[in-house]
Protein backbone atom coordinates (compact mmCIF):
# COMPACT_ATOMS: atom_id res chain seq x y z
CA MET A 1 15.37 13.96 -13.68
CA THR A 2 16.78 12.19 -16.49
CA THR A 3 16.22 9.09 -18.25
CA SER A 4 19.15 7.58 -16.88
CA ASP A 5 18.29 8.98 -13.38
CA ALA A 6 14.50 7.27 -13.25
CA PRO A 7 14.10 4.51 -10.43
CA GLN A 8 14.34 1.04 -12.03
CA TRP A 9 11.05 -1.14 -11.86
CA GLY A 10 10.47 -4.77 -12.43
CA GLU A 11 7.84 -6.50 -12.87
CA PRO A 12 4.90 -7.57 -11.03
CA ALA A 13 5.53 -10.63 -8.44
CA GLY A 14 2.57 -13.28 -9.36
CA GLU A 15 3.03 -15.08 -6.33
CA PRO A 16 4.44 -14.17 -2.68
CA ARG A 17 8.15 -14.84 -1.76
CA ALA A 18 7.98 -16.83 1.18
CA ASP A 19 10.56 -14.55 2.95
CA TRP A 20 7.73 -11.62 2.63
CA PRO A 21 6.06 -10.53 6.30
CA PRO A 22 2.46 -11.23 6.53
CA ASN A 23 0.93 -7.95 5.57
CA ILE A 24 2.37 -8.83 1.99
CA GLN A 25 1.11 -12.14 2.36
CA ALA A 26 -2.14 -11.40 3.34
CA LEU A 27 -2.35 -9.10 0.09
CA TYR A 28 -1.95 -12.30 -2.19
CA LYS A 29 -4.87 -14.02 0.23
CA ARG A 30 -7.82 -11.52 -0.14
CA ARG A 31 -7.51 -7.88 -1.58
CA ALA A 32 -8.44 -5.22 -0.48
CA PRO A 33 -11.17 -3.84 -2.64
CA ALA A 34 -10.03 -0.39 -2.42
CA SER A 35 -6.44 -1.67 -3.60
CA GLU A 36 -8.16 -3.91 -6.55
CA TYR A 37 -9.60 -0.74 -7.24
CA LEU A 38 -6.96 1.02 -7.85
CA GLY A 39 -5.06 -1.97 -9.37
CA LEU A 40 -2.28 -2.56 -7.47
CA HIS A 41 0.38 -5.08 -7.53
CA ILE A 42 3.48 -5.79 -5.26
CA ILE A 43 6.59 -5.60 -7.31
CA ASP A 44 9.36 -5.95 -4.39
CA VAL A 45 9.87 -5.98 -0.80
CA SER A 46 12.59 -4.96 1.94
CA ARG A 47 11.90 -6.10 5.17
CA GLU A 48 15.34 -5.09 6.38
CA ALA A 49 15.22 -1.62 4.71
CA LEU A 50 11.40 -1.43 5.66
CA THR A 51 10.56 -0.32 1.76
CA VAL A 52 8.34 -1.60 -0.93
CA ASP A 53 8.14 -1.25 -4.72
CA VAL A 54 4.18 -1.67 -6.36
CA LEU A 55 2.69 -0.81 -9.72
CA PHE A 56 -0.85 0.38 -10.23
CA GLU A 57 -2.58 -0.37 -13.17
CA ALA A 58 -4.33 2.76 -13.19
CA GLY A 59 -7.72 2.75 -15.30
CA GLU A 60 -10.00 5.11 -16.87
CA GLN A 61 -12.23 4.61 -13.80
CA LEU A 62 -9.85 6.92 -11.53
CA CYS A 63 -9.73 10.24 -14.05
CA ASN A 64 -11.47 13.03 -13.83
CA LEU A 65 -13.35 15.21 -16.67
CA TRP A 66 -10.07 15.90 -18.25
CA GLY A 67 -8.57 12.83 -18.42
CA GLY A 68 -5.76 12.71 -15.30
CA ILE A 69 -6.27 11.01 -12.27
CA GLN A 70 -8.27 12.27 -9.52
CA GLY A 71 -6.40 14.13 -6.82
CA GLY A 72 -8.19 11.58 -4.25
CA MET A 73 -7.27 8.40 -6.10
CA VAL A 74 -3.20 9.59 -5.93
CA ALA A 75 -3.47 10.35 -2.17
CA ALA A 76 -5.33 6.62 -2.43
CA MET A 77 -2.04 5.20 -4.19
CA LEU A 78 0.42 6.51 -1.74
CA ASP A 79 -1.73 6.09 1.26
CA ASP A 80 -1.94 2.49 0.14
CA VAL A 81 2.17 2.16 -0.65
CA MET A 82 2.76 3.20 2.23
CA SER A 83 0.51 1.37 4.81
CA LEU A 84 2.19 -1.16 2.85
CA ALA A 85 5.57 -0.34 3.77
CA VAL A 86 5.09 0.39 7.34
CA GLY A 87 3.52 -2.55 7.90
CA LEU A 88 6.16 -4.80 7.01
CA ASP A 89 7.50 -5.59 10.31
CA LEU A 90 3.82 -6.11 11.86
CA GLU A 91 2.90 -9.73 13.42
CA TRP A 92 -0.11 -11.15 12.28
CA GLY A 93 -3.28 -9.52 13.87
CA GLN A 94 -1.78 -6.18 13.83
CA ILE A 95 -2.95 -3.25 11.43
CA SER A 96 -1.40 0.17 10.58
CA PRO A 97 -4.14 3.12 10.86
CA THR A 98 -3.45 6.03 8.81
CA LEU A 99 -3.72 9.04 11.66
CA GLU A 100 -2.31 11.91 9.02
CA LEU A 101 -1.89 12.21 5.33
CA LYS A 102 -0.12 14.97 3.24
CA VAL A 103 0.33 14.50 -0.41
CA SER A 104 2.14 16.94 -2.82
CA MET A 105 0.44 16.52 -6.79
CA LEU A 106 3.46 17.57 -8.97
CA ASN A 107 2.44 16.53 -12.03
CA ALA A 108 -0.54 15.18 -13.73
CA ALA A 109 -0.81 11.37 -13.32
CA ARG A 110 -2.37 9.82 -16.38
CA PRO A 111 -4.21 5.62 -16.71
CA GLY A 112 -2.01 3.40 -17.42
CA ARG A 113 0.74 2.09 -14.96
CA ILE A 114 1.70 4.02 -12.48
CA TYR A 115 4.86 3.01 -10.04
CA GLY A 116 5.20 3.50 -6.40
CA LYS A 117 7.80 3.28 -3.44
CA GLY A 118 7.47 3.68 -0.09
CA ARG A 119 9.41 3.62 2.80
CA VAL A 120 9.55 4.05 6.75
CA ILE A 121 11.88 6.88 7.93
CA LYS A 122 10.93 5.77 11.47
CA LYS A 123 8.94 3.92 13.76
CA GLY A 124 8.41 3.70 17.66
CA LYS A 125 6.29 0.93 19.43
CA SER A 126 2.88 3.07 18.76
CA VAL A 127 3.31 5.18 15.86
CA GLY A 128 5.51 5.16 12.26
CA PHE A 129 6.41 7.98 10.33
CA VAL A 130 6.55 7.18 6.58
CA GLU A 131 7.04 8.56 3.17
CA GLY A 132 5.81 7.53 -0.42
CA GLU A 133 6.39 8.51 -4.13
CA LEU A 134 4.27 7.85 -7.52
CA TYR A 135 6.39 7.75 -10.93
CA ALA A 136 4.75 7.51 -14.01
CA PRO A 137 6.90 4.96 -16.32
CA ASP A 138 9.94 7.47 -17.84
CA GLY A 139 10.42 8.33 -14.42
CA THR A 140 8.68 11.70 -14.17
CA LEU A 141 7.35 12.26 -10.14
CA LEU A 142 4.32 12.62 -10.06
CA ALA A 143 3.40 12.57 -6.40
CA THR A 144 4.90 12.82 -2.96
CA ALA A 145 3.35 12.11 0.41
CA SER A 146 4.50 11.73 3.86
CA SER A 147 1.91 9.84 6.81
CA THR A 148 1.86 9.02 10.06
CA ALA A 149 0.30 5.97 11.26
CA THR A 150 -0.49 3.79 14.42
CA PHE A 151 -0.38 0.21 15.34
CA VAL A 152 -3.12 -1.69 16.36
CA THR A 153 -3.42 -5.39 17.46
CA LEU A 154 -6.81 -6.83 16.71
CA LYS A 155 -8.89 -8.82 19.30
CA ARG A 156 -9.74 -12.41 17.76
CA LYS A 157 -13.60 -12.42 17.69
CA GLU A 158 -15.00 -14.71 20.64
CA LYS A 159 -17.95 -16.85 19.29
CA LYS A 160 -21.69 -16.49 21.54
CA THR A 161 -22.43 -18.76 24.37
CA GLY A 162 -25.59 -19.84 22.17
CA GLU A 163 -23.42 -20.41 19.59
CA THR A 164 -20.93 -22.69 21.08
CA GLU A 165 -24.03 -24.34 22.55
CA LYS A 166 -25.80 -25.02 19.21
CA ALA A 167 -22.06 -26.09 17.42
CA SER A 168 -21.62 -28.84 20.84
CA GLN A 169 -25.21 -29.95 20.09
CA ALA A 170 -25.04 -30.69 16.17
């Protein structure tokens, strides 16, 4: 890939846009500790195309003894970006756990900025098929992945009878 062919990336969004879907809005309300550890930031979202562009600010804590980002951390970054993409048209209370993940490491990932792109390939009623890539700032393709996710609707927690009685007596 030449520099002119490299993907063009924007800067991370400081605040979520009003038109962004619930899964992205939720990320701004309460970031998952793993996503925080990886340094995840949203750049852009397309609900229509079911794509997401992200930035990882990868720190030294993600590295192996040789200074490269450990492969499991690369896989976690790809899992994050693909799960965001497949969740773009889910409703509040729905999640998309990963059923299967395949990662291909193409070049060594180094600390600093790493850009990610996730996109839905096909989505059915109960499963979705997703792909993702990670890029160095110069456009070098670092890793690719494919994933299968399922869709689950979480049940609301019901208060126990004793808790309801105590609350009404107070």
